[in-house]
N, C-alpha and C. Protein backbone atom coordinates (compact mmCIF):
# COMPACT_ATOMS: atom_id res chain seq x y z
N MET A 1 141.99 61.50 126.15
CA MET A 1 140.82 62.20 126.41
C MET A 1 139.92 62.13 125.05
N ASN A 2 138.74 61.98 125.04
CA ASN A 2 137.94 61.78 123.84
C ASN A 2 137.10 63.03 123.48
N GLY A 3 137.51 64.32 122.81
CA GLY A 3 136.72 65.49 122.49
C GLY A 3 136.24 65.47 121.14
N LYS A 4 135.18 66.40 120.93
CA LYS A 4 134.52 66.68 119.72
C LYS A 4 135.66 66.91 118.34
N GLY A 5 136.35 67.51 118.51
CA GLY A 5 137.35 67.63 117.34
C GLY A 5 136.89 68.41 116.21
N SER A 6 137.67 68.71 115.37
CA SER A 6 137.09 69.38 114.07
C SER A 6 137.47 68.52 112.69
N ALA A 7 138.01 67.22 113.11
CA ALA A 7 138.55 66.47 111.82
C ALA A 7 137.12 65.88 111.36
N PRO A 8 136.85 65.89 109.96
CA PRO A 8 135.66 64.90 109.40
C PRO A 8 135.83 63.55 109.45
N ARG A 9 134.65 62.88 109.39
CA ARG A 9 134.64 61.65 109.50
C ARG A 9 135.18 61.08 108.06
N PRO A 10 135.82 59.81 108.17
CA PRO A 10 136.61 59.08 107.39
C PRO A 10 135.35 58.73 106.44
N MET A 11 135.89 59.00 104.95
CA MET A 11 134.67 58.61 103.75
C MET A 11 135.19 57.75 103.05
N PRO A 12 134.77 56.29 103.22
CA PRO A 12 135.31 55.26 102.15
C PRO A 12 135.18 55.36 100.79
N ASN A 13 134.24 56.22 100.35
CA ASN A 13 134.15 56.40 98.61
C ASN A 13 133.74 57.86 98.55
N ARG A 14 134.66 58.60 98.23
CA ARG A 14 134.32 60.07 98.32
C ARG A 14 133.53 60.35 96.84
N GLU A 15 134.11 59.84 95.63
CA GLU A 15 133.37 60.07 94.58
C GLU A 15 131.97 59.68 94.65
N LYS A 16 131.75 58.55 95.04
CA LYS A 16 130.34 58.07 95.32
C LYS A 16 129.22 59.19 95.90
N PHE A 17 129.94 59.70 96.90
CA PHE A 17 129.43 60.52 98.26
C PHE A 17 128.81 61.60 97.32
N GLU A 18 129.99 62.51 96.19
CA GLU A 18 129.86 63.60 95.68
C GLU A 18 128.89 63.33 94.44
N SER A 19 128.72 62.27 93.92
CA SER A 19 127.62 62.17 92.79
C SER A 19 126.24 61.75 93.55
N ASN A 20 126.20 61.19 94.48
CA ASN A 20 125.10 61.32 95.29
C ASN A 20 124.55 62.68 95.77
N PHE A 21 125.36 63.41 96.26
CA PHE A 21 124.90 64.68 96.79
C PHE A 21 124.39 65.65 95.63
N ASP A 22 125.26 65.41 94.37
CA ASP A 22 124.85 66.11 93.24
C ASP A 22 123.24 65.78 92.67
N ALA A 23 123.33 64.38 92.62
CA ALA A 23 121.81 63.91 92.32
C ALA A 23 120.65 64.39 93.16
N ILE A 24 120.93 64.56 94.54
CA ILE A 24 120.06 65.00 95.38
C ILE A 24 119.86 66.34 95.34
N PHE A 25 121.01 67.15 95.59
CA PHE A 25 120.89 68.65 95.81
C PHE A 25 121.18 69.65 94.62
N ARG A 26 121.54 69.03 93.41
CA ARG A 26 121.60 69.70 91.99
C ARG A 26 120.54 70.62 91.89
N ASN A 27 121.05 71.72 91.12
CA ASN A 27 119.86 72.65 90.93
C ASN A 27 119.52 72.16 89.47
N LYS A 28 118.23 71.75 89.44
CA LYS A 28 117.64 71.10 88.20
C LYS A 28 116.55 72.50 87.72
N GLU A 29 117.30 72.89 86.72
CA GLU A 29 116.59 74.13 86.11
C GLU A 29 115.83 73.57 85.13
N LYS A 30 114.67 73.65 85.13
CA LYS A 30 113.46 73.28 83.98
C LYS A 30 113.11 74.34 82.98
N LYS A 31 113.30 74.17 81.90
CA LYS A 31 112.84 75.24 81.15
C LYS A 31 111.16 75.10 81.12
N PRO A 32 110.61 76.36 81.02
CA PRO A 32 109.09 76.12 81.15
C PRO A 32 108.60 75.63 79.32
N LYS A 33 107.67 75.20 79.35
CA LYS A 33 107.18 74.67 77.96
C LYS A 33 106.96 76.04 77.31
N ASP A 34 107.06 76.02 75.75
CA ASP A 34 106.85 76.92 75.09
C ASP A 34 105.19 76.72 74.54
N LYS A 35 104.77 77.91 73.99
CA LYS A 35 103.25 77.88 73.79
C LYS A 35 102.99 76.67 72.87
N ALA A 36 103.56 76.68 71.95
CA ALA A 36 103.37 75.46 70.85
C ALA A 36 103.23 74.25 71.57
N GLN A 37 104.19 73.87 72.27
CA GLN A 37 104.23 72.76 73.09
C GLN A 37 102.99 72.40 73.92
N MET A 38 102.55 73.56 74.76
CA MET A 38 101.58 73.64 75.43
C MET A 38 100.10 73.28 74.85
N MET A 39 100.17 73.95 73.60
CA MET A 39 98.91 73.73 72.95
C MET A 39 98.91 72.50 72.40
N ARG A 40 100.11 71.87 71.78
CA ARG A 40 99.83 70.30 71.23
C ARG A 40 99.67 69.37 72.76
N ASP A 41 100.15 69.69 73.64
CA ASP A 41 99.73 68.70 75.03
C ASP A 41 98.16 68.69 75.18
N MET A 42 97.59 70.16 75.24
CA MET A 42 96.33 70.14 75.63
C MET A 42 95.40 69.43 74.36
N ARG A 43 95.75 69.76 72.95
CA ARG A 43 95.04 68.93 72.27
C ARG A 43 95.20 68.00 72.48
N GLU A 44 96.19 66.98 72.70
CA GLU A 44 96.37 65.48 72.75
C GLU A 44 95.26 65.30 74.29
N ARG A 45 95.59 65.84 75.30
CA ARG A 45 94.77 65.58 76.39
C ARG A 45 93.13 65.63 75.92
N ARG A 46 92.58 66.50 75.32
CA ARG A 46 91.54 66.84 75.01
C ARG A 46 90.93 65.52 74.12
N LYS A 47 91.96 65.30 73.17
CA LYS A 47 91.75 64.18 72.24
C LYS A 47 91.34 62.85 72.78
N THR A 48 92.34 62.38 73.67
CA THR A 48 92.23 61.33 74.62
C THR A 48 90.97 61.29 75.78
N GLU A 49 90.66 62.42 75.90
CA GLU A 49 89.32 62.76 76.65
C GLU A 49 88.07 62.48 76.00
N GLY A 50 88.10 62.55 74.59
CA GLY A 50 87.10 62.61 73.90
C GLY A 50 86.18 63.76 73.78
N LEU A 51 87.06 64.93 74.00
CA LEU A 51 86.15 65.89 74.01
C LEU A 51 86.47 66.67 72.47
N THR A 52 85.26 67.27 72.17
CA THR A 52 85.16 68.19 71.06
C THR A 52 84.73 69.72 71.01
N GLU A 53 85.30 70.34 70.31
CA GLU A 53 85.00 71.99 70.17
C GLU A 53 83.53 72.00 69.38
N LEU A 54 82.73 72.79 69.79
CA LEU A 54 81.52 72.94 69.22
C LEU A 54 81.29 74.43 68.98
N THR A 55 81.18 74.95 67.74
CA THR A 55 81.08 76.29 67.53
C THR A 55 79.84 76.65 66.45
N ILE A 56 78.60 77.33 66.80
CA ILE A 56 77.72 77.32 65.96
C ILE A 56 77.00 78.79 65.81
N TRP A 57 76.34 78.94 64.89
CA TRP A 57 75.70 80.37 64.71
C TRP A 57 74.32 80.11 64.85
N VAL A 58 73.68 80.90 65.54
CA VAL A 58 72.14 80.41 66.09
C VAL A 58 71.58 81.93 66.11
N THR A 59 70.26 81.86 65.68
CA THR A 59 69.31 83.22 65.87
C THR A 59 68.86 83.09 67.47
N PRO A 60 68.59 84.40 67.96
CA PRO A 60 68.22 84.35 69.40
C PRO A 60 67.16 83.42 69.87
N GLU A 61 66.24 83.11 69.00
CA GLU A 61 65.36 82.07 69.56
C GLU A 61 66.31 80.73 69.71
N GLN A 62 66.85 80.41 68.68
CA GLN A 62 67.75 79.36 68.72
C GLN A 62 68.37 78.89 69.85
N GLU A 63 68.99 80.23 70.16
CA GLU A 63 70.05 80.35 71.56
C GLU A 63 69.30 79.97 72.89
N LYS A 64 68.28 80.63 72.89
CA LYS A 64 67.07 80.20 74.03
C LYS A 64 66.82 78.46 74.05
N GLN A 65 66.46 78.06 72.91
CA GLN A 65 66.36 76.65 72.95
C GLN A 65 67.58 75.78 73.24
N VAL A 66 68.63 76.26 72.77
CA VAL A 66 69.84 75.60 73.21
C VAL A 66 70.24 75.60 74.60
N MET A 67 70.12 77.10 75.06
CA MET A 67 70.41 77.22 76.55
C MET A 67 69.52 76.33 77.34
N GLU A 68 68.02 76.18 76.90
CA GLU A 68 67.33 75.40 77.92
C GLU A 68 67.69 73.99 77.71
N LEU A 69 67.97 73.35 76.62
CA LEU A 69 68.51 72.16 76.35
C LEU A 69 69.70 71.80 77.37
N LEU A 70 70.68 72.76 77.12
CA LEU A 70 72.08 72.52 78.22
C LEU A 70 71.71 72.69 79.79
N GLY A 71 70.09 73.35 79.95
CA GLY A 71 70.08 73.65 81.40
C GLY A 71 70.72 74.68 81.97
N LYS A 72 70.88 75.76 80.93
CA LYS A 72 71.62 76.99 81.54
C LYS A 72 70.57 78.22 81.67
C-alpha cells in the first residue's frame, strides 16, 4: 500500500540545493548610503542631466522681472 509517509524526497545534490536556497532566500542586508555618498550621487546625476544651480541677488523690481520671465 502506498501512503504519504514522512520521508523526504531523495536529493541528488544536497550542496547545490543549499547554495541555491541561500542565494534565493538569504537575508541581504543592505546598508543605507551615507549622506556624503548620496550628495556625490546627486551632484553626478545633475551634472549628467546638464543641470546647474543659479543663485542671484536682485532688487524687488528685478525680482518681478525675473518672475515674469520665468512665468511665475
